[in-house]
Amino acid sequence: MRDYVHHYGAPSQQPIRPIKTDADTLRETYRFIRSEEDDSERSWEQRLAKRYYDKLFKEYCLADMSRYKESKVGLRWRTEKEVIAGKGQFICGNKDCNAKEELCSYEARLAHLLETFR
């Protein structure tokens, strides 16, 4: 062991920096509604977020209503798996609900959403 340490040196005690994953990058750069400004920036982070956004199905969105009493509602676009299951279209779009009866659809105007999220 002494020869190994002498020949290769002792292992460094440098602090290990956290690794930034693709999921971390998406959390930082993802936008529910993308603008031309978002698409014009050509960093790899923005390209990754755009590629992910293009894979989503933007016909119906799903809602997280767990904090609606605080006037906080979370919306997100559906994934392919949710489209196949009918979530948001034939099954309630609330995160914690699986009701299939008495469903209503609401249309959200893009211009109104843009003003709300800016």
PDB file of N, CA and C in Angstrom:
ATOM      1  N   MET A   1       0.834  -1.181   0.000  1.00  0.00           N
ATOM      2  CA  MET A   1       0.000   0.000   0.000  1.00  0.00           C
ATOM      3  C   MET A   1       0.883   1.250   0.000  1.00  0.00           C
ATOM      4  N   ARG A   2       1.966   1.195   0.784  1.00  0.00           N
ATOM      5  CA  ARG A   2       2.861   2.342   0.868  1.00  0.00           C
ATOM      6  C   ARG A   2       3.471   2.631  -0.518  1.00  0.00           C
ATOM      7  N   ASP A   3       3.835   1.568  -1.255  1.00  0.00           N
ATOM      8  CA  ASP A   3       4.396   1.757  -2.598  1.00  0.00           C
ATOM      9  C   ASP A   3       3.359   2.381  -3.543  1.00  0.00           C
ATOM     10  N   TYR A   4       2.122   1.935  -3.415  1.00  0.00           N
ATOM     11  CA  TYR A   4       1.053   2.478  -4.258  1.00  0.00           C
ATOM     12  C   TYR A   4       0.882   3.976  -4.011  1.00  0.00           C
ATOM     13  N   VAL A   5       0.809   4.367  -2.737  1.00  0.00           N
ATOM     14  CA  VAL A   5       0.651   5.777  -2.389  1.00  0.00           C
ATOM     15  C   VAL A   5       1.870   6.573  -2.837  1.00  0.00           C
ATOM     16  N   HIS A   6       3.048   5.991  -2.677  1.00  0.00           N
ATOM     17  CA  HIS A   6       4.273   6.684  -3.090  1.00  0.00           C
ATOM     18  C   HIS A   6       4.312   6.871  -4.608  1.00  0.00           C
ATOM     19  N   HIS A   7       3.890   5.852  -5.337  1.00  0.00           N
ATOM     20  CA  HIS A   7       3.966   5.905  -6.794  1.00  0.00           C
ATOM     21  C   HIS A   7       2.837   6.751  -7.398  1.00  0.00           C
ATOM     22  N   TYR A   8       1.602   6.522  -6.964  1.00  0.00           N
ATOM     23  CA  TYR A   8       0.450   7.206  -7.542  1.00  0.00           C
ATOM     24  C   TYR A   8      -0.004   8.425  -6.747  1.00  0.00           C
ATOM     25  N   GLY A   9       0.469   8.581  -5.577  1.00  0.00           N
ATOM     26  CA  GLY A   9       0.071   9.718  -4.749  1.00  0.00           C
ATOM     27  C   GLY A   9      -1.169   9.386  -3.939  1.00  0.00           C
ATOM     28  N   ALA A  10      -1.361  10.147  -2.900  1.00  0.00           N
ATOM     29  CA  ALA A  10      -2.522   9.937  -2.038  1.00  0.00           C
ATOM     30  C   ALA A  10      -3.771  10.444  -2.743  1.00  0.00           C
ATOM     31  N   PRO A  11      -4.910   9.830  -2.473  1.00  0.00           N
ATOM     32  CA  PRO A  11      -6.139  10.347  -3.084  1.00  0.00           C
ATOM     33  C   PRO A  11      -6.391  11.774  -2.609  1.00  0.00           C
ATOM     34  N   SER A  12      -6.795  12.614  -3.540  1.00  0.00           N
ATOM     35  CA  SER A  12      -7.002  14.029  -3.194  1.00  0.00           C
ATOM     36  C   SER A  12      -8.233  14.176  -2.311  1.00  0.00           C
ATOM     37  N   GLN A  13      -8.204  15.163  -1.476  1.00  0.00           N
ATOM     38  CA  GLN A  13      -9.310  15.439  -0.571  1.00  0.00           C
ATOM     39  C   GLN A  13     -10.126  16.631  -1.053  1.00  0.00           C
ATOM     40  N   GLN A  14     -10.153  16.828  -2.376  1.00  0.00           N
ATOM     41  CA  GLN A  14     -10.925  17.940  -2.926  1.00  0.00           C
ATOM     42  C   GLN A  14     -12.409  17.650  -2.735  1.00  0.00           C
ATOM     43  N   PRO A  15     -13.164  18.686  -2.413  1.00  0.00           N
ATOM     44  CA  PRO A  15     -14.610  18.462  -2.253  1.00  0.00           C
ATOM     45  C   PRO A  15     -15.227  18.065  -3.594  1.00  0.00           C
ATOM     46  N   ILE A  16     -16.125  17.122  -3.539  1.00  0.00           N
ATOM     47  CA  ILE A  16     -16.800  16.658  -4.748  1.00  0.00           C
ATOM     48  C   ILE A  16     -17.947  17.607  -5.051  1.00  0.00           C
ATOM     49  N   ARG A  17     -17.909  18.181  -6.255  1.00  0.00           N
ATOM     50  CA  ARG A  17     -18.969  19.095  -6.654  1.00  0.00           C
ATOM     51  C   ARG A  17     -20.186  18.299  -7.111  1.00  0.00           C
ATOM     52  N   PRO A  18     -21.375  18.802  -6.847  1.00  0.00           N
ATOM     53  CA  PRO A  18     -22.563  18.086  -7.305  1.00  0.00           C
ATOM     54  C   PRO A  18     -22.626  18.093  -8.838  1.00  0.00           C
ATOM     55  N   ILE A  19     -23.099  17.018  -9.393  1.00  0.00           N
ATOM     56  CA  ILE A  19     -23.205  16.888 -10.836  1.00  0.00           C
ATOM     57  C   ILE A  19     -24.556  17.432 -11.276  1.00  0.00           C
ATOM     58  N   LYS A  20     -24.560  18.241 -12.306  1.00  0.00           N
ATOM     59  CA  LYS A  20     -25.793  18.804 -12.853  1.00  0.00           C
ATOM     60  C   LYS A  20     -26.333  17.837 -13.906  1.00  0.00           C
ATOM     61  N   THR A  21     -27.487  17.263 -13.649  1.00  0.00           N
ATOM     62  CA  THR A  21     -28.077  16.301 -14.565  1.00  0.00           C
ATOM     63  C   THR A  21     -28.982  17.007 -15.572  1.00  0.00           C
ATOM     64  N   ASP A  22     -29.438  16.257 -16.573  1.00  0.00           N
ATOM     65  CA  ASP A  22     -30.373  16.809 -17.551  1.00  0.00           C
ATOM     66  C   ASP A  22     -31.679  17.215 -16.884  1.00  0.00           C
ATOM     67  N   ALA A  23     -32.103  16.443 -15.887  1.00  0.00           N
ATOM     68  CA  ALA A  23     -33.333  16.780 -15.167  1.00  0.00           C
ATOM     69  C   ALA A  23     -33.181  18.114 -14.435  1.00  0.00           C
ATOM     70  N   ASP A  24     -32.020  18.369 -13.848  1.00  0.00           N
ATOM     71  CA  ASP A  24     -31.769  19.654 -13.191  1.00  0.00           C
ATOM     72  C   ASP A  24     -31.825  20.788 -14.209  1.00  0.00           C
ATOM     73  N   THR A  25     -31.226  20.561 -15.367  1.00  0.00           N
ATOM     74  CA  THR A  25     -31.224  21.568 -16.427  1.00  0.00           C
ATOM     75  C   THR A  25     -32.637  21.867 -16.895  1.00  0.00           C
ATOM     76  N   LEU A  26     -33.458  20.824 -17.064  1.00  0.00           N
ATOM     77  CA  LEU A  26     -34.847  21.036 -17.485  1.00  0.00           C
ATOM     78  C   LEU A  26     -35.629  21.819 -16.436  1.00  0.00           C
ATOM     79  N   ARG A  27     -35.402  21.503 -15.157  1.00  0.00           N
ATOM     80  CA  ARG A  27     -36.096  22.242 -14.096  1.00  0.00           C
ATOM     81  C   ARG A  27     -35.775  23.727 -14.146  1.00  0.00           C
ATOM     82  N   GLU A  28     -34.540  24.069 -14.508  1.00  0.00           N
ATOM     83  CA  GLU A  28     -34.117  25.465 -14.533  1.00  0.00           C
ATOM     84  C   GLU A  28     -34.572  26.201 -15.785  1.00  0.00           C
ATOM     85  N   THR A  29     -34.615  25.527 -16.937  1.00  0.00           N
ATOM     86  CA  THR A  29     -34.843  26.235 -18.198  1.00  0.00           C
ATOM     87  C   THR A  29     -36.201  25.987 -18.829  1.00  0.00           C
ATOM     88  N   TYR A  30     -36.992  25.048 -18.307  1.00  0.00           N
ATOM     89  CA  TYR A  30     -38.274  24.719 -18.926  1.00  0.00           C
ATOM     90  C   TYR A  30     -39.265  25.861 -18.757  1.00  0.00           C
ATOM     91  N   ARG A  31     -40.035  26.114 -19.786  1.00  0.00           N
ATOM     92  CA  ARG A  31     -41.114  27.109 -19.755  1.00  0.00           C
ATOM     93  C   ARG A  31     -42.400  26.432 -20.193  1.00  0.00           C
ATOM     94  N   PHE A  32     -43.498  26.661 -19.467  1.00  0.00           N
ATOM     95  CA  PHE A  32     -44.798  26.078 -19.810  1.00  0.00           C
ATOM     96  C   PHE A  32     -45.241  26.561 -21.179  1.00  0.00           C
ATOM     97  N   ILE A  33     -45.054  27.839 -21.434  1.00  0.00           N
ATOM     98  CA  ILE A  33     -45.344  28.421 -22.741  1.00  0.00           C
ATOM     99  C   ILE A  33     -44.060  29.079 -23.221  1.00  0.00           C
ATOM    100  N   ARG A  34     -43.551  28.614 -24.344  1.00  0.00           N
ATOM    101  CA  ARG A  34     -42.287  29.125 -24.872  1.00  0.00           C
ATOM    102  C   ARG A  34     -42.561  30.332 -25.758  1.00  0.00           C
ATOM    103  N   SER A  35     -41.671  31.309 -25.699  1.00  0.00           N
ATOM    104  CA  SER A  35     -41.761  32.481 -26.552  1.00  0.00           C
ATOM    105  C   SER A  35     -40.662  32.419 -27.606  1.00  0.00           C
ATOM    106  N   GLU A  36     -40.682  33.355 -28.534  1.00  0.00           N
ATOM    107  CA  GLU A  36     -39.636  33.415 -29.558  1.00  0.00           C
ATOM    108  C   GLU A  36     -38.272  33.681 -28.925  1.00  0.00           C
ATOM    109  N   GLU A  37     -38.262  34.454 -27.851  1.00  0.00           N
ATOM    110  CA  GLU A  37     -37.001  34.741 -27.153  1.00  0.00           C
ATOM    111  C   GLU A  37     -36.392  33.462 -26.572  1.00  0.00           C
ATOM    112  N   ASP A  38     -37.253  32.570 -26.051  1.00  0.00           N
ATOM    113  CA  ASP A  38     -36.757  31.303 -25.512  1.00  0.00           C
ATOM    114  C   ASP A  38     -36.126  30.457 -26.612  1.00  0.00           C
ATOM    115  N   ASP A  39     -36.724  30.483 -27.795  1.00  0.00           N
ATOM    116  CA  ASP A  39     -36.228  29.662 -28.900  1.00  0.00           C
ATOM    117  C   ASP A  39     -35.018  30.274 -29.593  1.00  0.00           C
ATOM    118  N   SER A  40     -34.815  31.573 -29.457  1.00  0.00           N
ATOM    119  CA  SER A  40     -33.699  32.216 -30.147  1.00  0.00           C
ATOM    120  C   SER A  40     -32.362  31.963 -29.440  1.00  0.00           C
ATOM    121  N   GLU A  41     -32.400  31.735 -28.140  1.00  0.00           N
ATOM    122  CA  GLU A  41     -31.164  31.455 -27.408  1.00  0.00           C
ATOM    123  C   GLU A  41     -30.710  30.039 -27.750  1.00  0.00           C
ATOM    124  N   ARG A  42     -29.458  29.865 -28.117  1.00  0.00           N
ATOM    125  CA  ARG A  42     -28.988  28.592 -28.634  1.00  0.00           C
ATOM    126  C   ARG A  42     -28.042  27.853 -27.696  1.00  0.00           C
ATOM    127  N   SER A  43     -28.121  28.057 -26.412  1.00  0.00           N
ATOM    128  CA  SER A  43     -27.276  27.302 -25.488  1.00  0.00           C
ATOM    129  C   SER A  43     -27.771  25.854 -25.452  1.00  0.00           C
ATOM    130  N   TRP A  44     -26.943  24.945 -24.998  1.00  0.00           N
ATOM    131  CA  TRP A  44     -27.352  23.540 -24.981  1.00  0.00           C
ATOM    132  C   TRP A  44     -28.501  23.321 -24.007  1.00  0.00           C
ATOM    133  N   GLU A  45     -28.564  24.138 -22.944  1.00  0.00           N
ATOM    134  CA  GLU A  45     -29.661  24.015 -21.998  1.00  0.00           C
ATOM    135  C   GLU A  45     -30.994  24.359 -22.652  1.00  0.00           C
ATOM    136  N   GLN A  46     -30.994  25.456 -23.436  1.00  0.00           N
ATOM    137  CA  GLN A  46     -32.218  25.864 -24.116  1.00  0.00           C
ATOM    138  C   GLN A  46     -32.612  24.863 -25.200  1.00  0.00           C
ATOM    139  N   ARG A  47     -31.634  24.302 -25.896  1.00  0.00           N
ATOM    140  CA  ARG A  47     -31.943  23.299 -26.916  1.00  0.00           C
ATOM    141  C   ARG A  47     -32.548  22.048 -26.276  1.00  0.00           C
ATOM    142  N   LEU A  48     -32.031  21.659 -25.105  1.00  0.00           N
ATOM    143  CA  LEU A  48     -32.572  20.513 -24.389  1.00  0.00           C
ATOM    144  C   LEU A  48     -34.016  20.775 -23.964  1.00  0.00           C
ATOM    145  N   ALA A  49     -34.283  21.957 -23.416  1.00  0.00           N
ATOM    146  CA  ALA A  49     -35.636  22.313 -22.987  1.00  0.00           C
ATOM    147  C   ALA A  49     -36.590  22.352 -24.182  1.00  0.00           C
ATOM    148  N   LYS A  50     -36.147  22.871 -25.311  1.00  0.00           N
ATOM    149  CA  LYS A  50     -36.979  22.939 -26.519  1.00  0.00           C
ATOM    150  C   LYS A  50     -37.282  21.532 -27.025  1.00  0.00           C
ATOM    151  N   ARG A  51     -36.288  20.652 -27.037  1.00  0.00           N
ATOM    152  CA  ARG A  51     -36.497  19.276 -27.484  1.00  0.00           C
ATOM    153  C   ARG A  51     -37.530  18.577 -26.596  1.00  0.00           C
ATOM    154  N   TYR A  52     -37.444  18.787 -25.281  1.00  0.00           N
ATOM    155  CA  TYR A  52     -38.412  18.198 -24.351  1.00  0.00           C
ATOM    156  C   TYR A  52     -39.803  18.786 -24.597  1.00  0.00           C
ATOM    157  N   TYR A  53     -39.882  20.093 -24.784  1.00  0.00           N
ATOM    158  CA  TYR A  53     -41.160  20.770 -25.004  1.00  0.00           C
ATOM    159  C   TYR A  53     -41.838  20.248 -26.267  1.00  0.00           C
ATOM    160  N   ASP A  54     -41.050  20.000 -27.312  1.00  0.00           N
ATOM    161  CA  ASP A  54     -41.610  19.514 -28.571  1.00  0.00           C
ATOM    162  C   ASP A  54     -42.180  18.105 -28.452  1.00  0.00           C
ATOM    163  N   LYS A  55     -41.742  17.334 -27.478  1.00  0.00           N
ATOM    164  CA  LYS A  55     -42.235  15.968 -27.286  1.00  0.00           C
ATOM    165  C   LYS A  55     -43.557  15.914 -26.524  1.00  0.00           C
ATOM    166  N   LEU A  56     -43.938  17.020 -25.884  1.00  0.00           N
ATOM    167  CA  LEU A  56     -45.154  17.032 -25.073  1.00  0.00           C
ATOM    168  C   LEU A  56     -46.386  17.194 -25.958  1.00  0.00           C
ATOM    169  N   PHE A  57     -47.520  16.741 -25.438  1.00  0.00           N
ATOM    170  CA  PHE A  57     -48.784  16.842 -26.144  1.00  0.00           C
ATOM    171  C   PHE A  57     -49.543  18.024 -25.554  1.00  0.00           C
ATOM    172  N   LYS A  58     -49.704  19.073 -26.353  1.00  0.00           N
ATOM    173  CA  LYS A  58     -50.203  20.348 -25.838  1.00  0.00           C
ATOM    174  C   LYS A  58     -51.678  20.591 -26.160  1.00  0.00           C
ATOM    175  N   GLU A  59     -52.438  19.525 -26.288  1.00  0.00           N
ATOM    176  CA  GLU A  59     -53.867  19.668 -26.536  1.00  0.00           C
ATOM    177  C   GLU A  59     -54.626  19.872 -25.220  1.00  0.00           C
ATOM    178  N   TYR A  60     -54.281  19.090 -24.219  1.00  0.00           N
ATOM    179  CA  TYR A  60     -54.859  19.206 -22.886  1.00  0.00           C
ATOM    180  C   TYR A  60     -53.726  19.330 -21.884  1.00  0.00           C
ATOM    181  N   CYS A  61     -53.963  20.050 -20.785  1.00  0.00           N
ATOM    182  CA  CYS A  61     -52.944  20.112 -19.732  1.00  0.00           C
ATOM    183  C   CYS A  61     -53.516  19.494 -18.461  1.00  0.00           C
ATOM    184  N   LEU A  62     -52.641  19.106 -17.572  1.00  0.00           N
ATOM    185  CA  LEU A  62     -53.028  18.518 -16.297  1.00  0.00           C
ATOM    186  C   LEU A  62     -52.805  19.539 -15.191  1.00  0.00           C
ATOM    187  N   ALA A  63     -53.599  19.442 -14.143  1.00  0.00           N
ATOM    188  CA  ALA A  63     -53.548  20.441 -13.079  1.00  0.00           C
ATOM    189  C   ALA A  63     -53.201  19.808 -11.738  1.00  0.00           C
ATOM    190  N   ASP A  64     -52.472  20.557 -10.940  1.00  0.00           N
ATOM    191  CA  ASP A  64     -52.216  20.194  -9.547  1.00  0.00           C
ATOM    192  C   ASP A  64     -53.008  21.188  -8.711  1.00  0.00           C
ATOM    193  N   MET A  65     -54.130  20.732  -8.174  1.00  0.00           N
ATOM    194  CA  MET A  65     -55.034  21.608  -7.435  1.00  0.00           C
ATOM    195  C   MET A  65     -54.858  21.484  -5.918  1.00  0.00           C
ATOM    196  N   SER A  66     -53.768  20.875  -5.480  1.00  0.00           N
ATOM    197  CA  SER A  66     -53.583  20.621  -4.051  1.00  0.00           C
ATOM    198  C   SER A  66     -53.446  21.908  -3.235  1.00  0.00           C
ATOM    199  N   ARG A  67     -53.098  23.028  -3.878  1.00  0.00           N
ATOM    200  CA  ARG A  67     -52.925  24.288  -3.135  1.00  0.00           C
ATOM    201  C   ARG A  67     -53.848  25.386  -3.668  1.00  0.00           C
ATOM    202  N   TYR A  68     -55.016  24.994  -4.181  1.00  0.00           N
ATOM    203  CA  TYR A  68     -55.924  25.980  -4.767  1.00  0.00           C
ATOM    204  C   TYR A  68     -56.451  26.973  -3.738  1.00  0.00           C
ATOM    205  N   LYS A  69     -56.534  26.590  -2.467  1.00  0.00           N
ATOM    206  CA  LYS A  69     -57.021  27.506  -1.429  1.00  0.00           C
ATOM    207  C   LYS A  69     -56.058  28.668  -1.212  1.00  0.00           C
ATOM    208  N   GLU A  70     -54.796  28.481  -1.609  1.00  0.00           N
ATOM    209  CA  GLU A  70     -53.791  29.548  -1.524  1.00  0.00           C
ATOM    210  C   GLU A  70     -53.681  30.294  -2.853  1.00  0.00           C
ATOM    211  N   SER A  71     -54.630  30.044  -3.760  1.00  0.00           N
ATOM    212  CA  SER A  71     -54.627  30.622  -5.117  1.00  0.00           C
ATOM    213  C   SER A  71     -53.396  30.201  -5.910  1.00  0.00           C
ATOM    214  N   LYS A  72     -52.981  28.957  -5.729  1.00  0.00           N
ATOM    215  CA  LYS A  72     -51.840  28.410  -6.462  1.00  0.00           C
ATOM    216  C   LYS A  72     -52.283  27.141  -7.169  1.00  0.00           C
ATOM    217  N   VAL A  73     -52.225  27.185  -8.496  1.00  0.00           N
ATOM    218  CA  VAL A  73     -52.596  26.042  -9.314  1.00  0.00           C
ATOM    219  C   VAL A  73     -51.420  25.737 -10.223  1.00  0.00           C
ATOM    220  N   GLY A  74     -51.009  24.492 -10.265  1.00  0.00           N
ATOM    221  CA  GLY A  74     -49.916  24.086 -11.145  1.00  0.00           C
ATOM    222  C   GLY A  74     -50.468  23.441 -12.396  1.00  0.00           C
ATOM    223  N   LEU A  75     -49.965  23.841 -13.559  1.00  0.00           N
ATOM    224  CA  LEU A  75     -50.380  23.253 -14.834  1.00  0.00           C
ATOM    225  C   LEU A  75     -49.164  22.689 -15.548  1.00  0.00           C
ATOM    226  N   ARG A  76     -49.376  21.590 -16.252  1.00  0.00           N
ATOM    227  CA  ARG A  76     -48.312  21.035 -17.089  1.00  0.00           C
ATOM    228  C   ARG A  76     -48.943  20.304 -18.256  1.00  0.00           C
ATOM    229  N   TRP A  77     -48.179  20.177 -19.336  1.00  0.00           N
ATOM    230  CA  TRP A  77     -48.638  19.461 -20.517  1.00  0.00           C
ATOM    231  C   TRP A  77     -48.537  17.963 -20.272  1.00  0.00           C
ATOM    232  N   ARG A  78     -49.324  17.199 -21.016  1.00  0.00           N
ATOM    233  CA  ARG A  78     -49.336  15.749 -20.852  1.00  0.00           C
ATOM    234  C   ARG A  78     -48.161  15.090 -21.563  1.00  0.00           C
ATOM    235  N   THR A  79     -47.752  13.942 -21.030  1.00  0.00           N
ATOM    236  CA  THR A  79     -46.729  13.121 -21.677  1.00  0.00           C
ATOM    237  C   THR A  79     -47.433  12.073 -22.545  1.00  0.00           C
ATOM    238  N   GLU A  80     -46.663  11.363 -23.341  1.00  0.00           N
ATOM    239  CA  GLU A  80     -47.243  10.346 -24.229  1.00  0.00           C
ATOM    240  C   GLU A  80     -47.988   9.267 -23.442  1.00  0.00           C
ATOM    241  N   LYS A  81     -47.432   8.856 -22.329  1.00  0.00           N
ATOM    242  CA  LYS A  81     -48.062   7.829 -21.493  1.00  0.00           C
ATOM    243  C   LYS A  81     -49.432   8.303 -20.995  1.00  0.00           C
ATOM    244  N   GLU A  82     -49.541   9.566 -20.612  1.00  0.00           N
ATOM    245  CA  GLU A  82     -50.810  10.117 -20.120  1.00  0.00           C
ATOM    246  C   GLU A  82     -51.818  10.276 -21.247  1.00  0.00           C
ATOM    247  N   VAL A  83     -51.351  10.586 -22.452  1.00  0.00           N
ATOM    248  CA  VAL A  83     -52.247  10.690 -23.606  1.00  0.00           C
ATOM    249  C   VAL A  83     -52.863   9.323 -23.897  1.00  0.00           C
ATOM    250  N   ILE A  84     -52.040   8.276 -23.897  1.00  0.00           N
ATOM    251  CA  ILE A  84     -52.520   6.918 -24.162  1.00  0.00           C
ATOM    252  C   ILE A  84     -53.526   6.483 -23.105  1.00  0.00           C
ATOM    253  N   ALA A  85     -53.292   6.856 -21.842  1.00  0.00           N
ATOM    254  CA  ALA A  85     -54.210   6.504 -20.759  1.00  0.00           C
ATOM    255  C   ALA A  85     -55.487   7.342 -20.789  1.00  0.00           C
ATOM    256  N   GLY A  86     -55.481   8.475 -21.492  1.00  0.00           N
ATOM    257  CA  GLY A  86     -56.656   9.339 -21.554  1.00  0.00           C
ATOM    258  C   GLY A  86     -56.721  10.353 -20.431  1.00  0.00           C
ATOM    259  N   LYS A  87     -55.642  10.510 -19.684  1.00  0.00           N
ATOM    260  CA  LYS A  87     -55.612  11.459 -18.567  1.00  0.00           C
ATOM    261  C   LYS A  87     -55.790  12.874 -19.094  1.00  0.00           C
ATOM    262  N   GLY A  88     -56.729  13.611 -18.539  1.00  0.00           N
ATOM    263  CA  GLY A  88     -56.988  14.984 -18.947  1.00  0.00           C
ATOM    264  C   GLY A  88     -58.044  15.098 -20.022  1.00  0.00           C
ATOM    265  N   GLN A  89     -58.377  13.989 -20.680  1.00  0.00           N
ATOM    266  CA  GLN A  89     -59.391  14.007 -21.723  1.00  0.00           C
ATOM    267  C   GLN A  89     -60.568  13.111 -21.342  1.00  0.00           C
ATOM    268  N   PHE A  90     -60.305  11.862 -21.038  1.00  0.00           N
ATOM    269  CA  PHE A  90     -61.350  10.922 -20.646  1.00  0.00           C
ATOM    270  C   PHE A  90     -61.305  10.611 -19.151  1.00  0.00           C
ATOM    271  N   ILE A  91     -60.201  10.981 -18.509  1.00  0.00           N
ATOM    272  CA  ILE A  91     -60.029  10.829 -17.058  1.00  0.00           C
ATOM    273  C   ILE A  91     -59.709  12.222 -16.511  1.00  0.00           C
ATOM    274  N   CYS A  92     -60.193  12.528 -15.326  1.00  0.00           N
ATOM    275  CA  CYS A  92     -59.978  13.853 -14.727  1.00  0.00           C
ATOM    276  C   CYS A  92     -58.506  14.274 -14.820  1.00  0.00           C
ATOM    277  N   GLY A  93     -58.278  15.538 -15.155  1.00  0.00           N
ATOM    278  CA  GLY A  93     -56.930  16.057 -15.328  1.00  0.00           C
ATOM    279  C   GLY A  93     -56.257  16.519 -14.054  1.00  0.00           C
ATOM    280  N   ASN A  94     -56.940  16.403 -12.917  1.00  0.00           N
ATOM    281  CA  ASN A  94     -56.307  16.741 -11.644  1.00  0.00           C
ATOM    282  C   ASN A  94     -55.308  15.646 -11.289  1.00  0.00           C
ATOM    283  N   LYS A  95     -54.194  16.041 -10.711  1.00  0.00           N
ATOM    284  CA  LYS A  95     -53.112  15.112 -10.379  1.00  0.00           C
ATOM    285  C   LYS A  95     -53.586  13.937  -9.534  1.00  0.00           C
ATOM    286  N   ASP A  96     -54.448  14.180  -8.562  1.00  0.00           N
ATOM    287  CA  ASP A  96     -54.851  13.155  -7.602  1.00  0.00           C
ATOM    288  C   ASP A  96     -56.243  12.586  -7.850  1.00  0.00           C
ATOM    289  N   CYS A  97     -56.806  12.790  -9.035  1.00  0.00           N
ATOM    290  CA  CYS A  97     -58.182  12.357  -9.302  1.00  0.00           C
ATOM    291  C   CYS A  97     -58.199  11.414 -10.504  1.00  0.00           C
ATOM    292  N   ASN A  98     -59.022  10.392 -10.424  1.00  0.00           N
ATOM    293  CA  ASN A  98     -59.174   9.447 -11.533  1.00  0.00           C
ATOM    294  C   ASN A  98     -60.633   9.291 -11.948  1.00  0.00           C
ATOM    295  N   ALA A  99     -61.442  10.319 -11.694  1.00  0.00           N
ATOM    296  CA  ALA A  99     -62.865  10.262 -12.041  1.00  0.00           C
ATOM    297  C   ALA A  99     -63.035  10.209 -13.555  1.00  0.00           C
ATOM    298  N   LYS A 100     -64.075   9.492 -13.987  1.00  0.00           N
ATOM    299  CA  LYS A 100     -64.367   9.368 -15.416  1.00  0.00           C
ATOM    300  C   LYS A 100     -65.748   9.903 -15.768  1.00  0.00           C
ATOM    301  N   GLU A 101     -66.530  10.240 -14.760  1.00  0.00           N
ATOM    302  CA  GLU A 101     -67.893  10.719 -14.973  1.00  0.00           C
ATOM    303  C   GLU A 101     -67.982  12.227 -14.731  1.00  0.00           C
ATOM    304  N   GLU A 102     -68.921  12.865 -15.375  1.00  0.00           N
ATOM    305  CA  GLU A 102     -69.220  14.292 -15.189  1.00  0.00           C
ATOM    306  C   GLU A 102     -67.988  15.177 -15.349  1.00  0.00           C
ATOM    307  N   LEU A 103     -67.235  14.983 -16.417  1.00  0.00           N
ATOM    308  CA  LEU A 103     -66.044  15.787 -16.687  1.00  0.00           C
ATOM    309  C   LEU A 103     -66.402  17.001 -17.522  1.00  0.00           C
ATOM    310  N   CYS A 104     -65.686  18.081 -17.339  1.00  0.00           N
ATOM    311  CA  CYS A 104     -65.855  19.302 -18.120  1.00  0.00           C
ATOM    312  C   CYS A 104     -64.502  19.723 -18.665  1.00  0.00           C
ATOM    313  N   SER A 105     -64.497  20.286 -19.856  1.00  0.00           N
ATOM    314  CA  SER A 105     -63.262  20.823 -20.430  1.00  0.00           C
ATOM    315  C   SER A 105     -63.325  22.336 -20.375  1.00  0.00           C
ATOM    316  N   TYR A 106     -62.185  22.955 -20.129  1.00  0.00           N
ATOM    317  CA  TYR A 106     -62.088  24.405 -20.101  1.00  0.00           C
ATOM    318  C   TYR A 106     -61.017  24.836 -21.084  1.00  0.00           C
ATOM    319  N   GLU A 107     -61.341  25.845 -21.858  1.00  0.00           N
ATOM    320  CA  GLU A 107     -60.378  26.341 -22.835  1.00  0.00           C
ATOM    321  C   GLU A 107     -59.622  27.510 -22.237  1.00  0.00           C
ATOM    322  N   ALA A 108     -58.321  27.434 -22.296  1.00  0.00           N
ATOM    323  CA  ALA A 108     -57.474  28.521 -21.803  1.00  0.00           C
ATOM    324  C   ALA A 108     -56.914  29.261 -23.010  1.00  0.00           C
ATOM    325  N   ARG A 109     -57.116  30.522 -23.063  1.00  0.00           N
ATOM    326  CA  ARG A 109     -56.618  31.319 -24.175  1.00  0.00           C
ATOM    327  C   ARG A 109     -55.126  31.553 -24.001  1.00  0.00           C
ATOM    328  N   LEU A 110     -54.368  31.356 -25.056  1.00  0.00           N
ATOM    329  CA  LEU A 110     -52.921  31.484 -25.009  1.00  0.00           C
ATOM    330  C   LEU A 110     -52.502  32.888 -24.595  1.00  0.00           C
ATOM    331  N   ALA A 111     -53.145  33.899 -25.122  1.00  0.00           N
ATOM    332  CA  ALA A 111     -52.786  35.279 -24.780  1.00  0.00           C
ATOM    333  C   ALA A 111     -52.993  35.524 -23.287  1.00  0.00           C
ATOM    334  N   HIS A 112     -54.069  35.010 -22.734  1.00  0.00           N
ATOM    335  CA  HIS A 112     -54.354  35.180 -21.305  1.00  0.00           C
ATOM    336  C   HIS A 112     -53.295  34.459 -20.472  1.00  0.00           C
ATOM    337  N   LEU A 113     -52.902  33.231 -20.877  1.00  0.00           N
ATOM    338  CA  LEU A 113     -51.874  32.500 -20.150  1.00  0.00           C
ATOM    339  C   LEU A 113     -50.537  33.234 -20.191  1.00  0.00           C
ATOM    340  N   LEU A 114     -50.211  33.800 -21.345  1.00  0.00           N
ATOM    341  CA  LEU A 114     -48.951  34.530 -21.454  1.00  0.00           C
ATOM    342  C   LEU A 114     -48.906  35.717 -20.514  1.00  0.00           C
ATOM    343  N   GLU A 115     -50.004  36.445 -20.408  1.00  0.00           N
ATOM    344  CA  GLU A 115     -50.056  37.594 -19.498  1.00  0.00           C
ATOM    345  C   GLU A 115     -50.003  37.137 -18.050  1.00  0.00           C
ATOM    346  N   THR A 116     -50.630  36.001 -17.753  1.00  0.00           N
ATOM    347  CA  THR A 116     -50.659  35.495 -16.384  1.00  0.00           C
ATOM    348  C   THR A 116     -49.282  35.088 -15.908  1.00  0.00           C
ATOM    349  N   PHE A 117     -48.490  34.451 -16.780  1.00  0.00           N
ATOM    350  CA  PHE A 117     -47.197  33.911 -16.379  1.00  0.00           C
ATOM    351  C   PHE A 117     -46.063  34.886 -16.540  1.00  0.00           C
ATOM    352  N   ARG A 118     -46.267  36.059 -17.000  1.00  0.00           N
ATOM    353  CA  ARG A 118     -45.166  37.035 -17.151  1.00  0.00           C
ATOM    354  C   ARG A 118     -45.039  37.876 -15.928  1.00  0.00           C
TER     355      ARG A 118
END
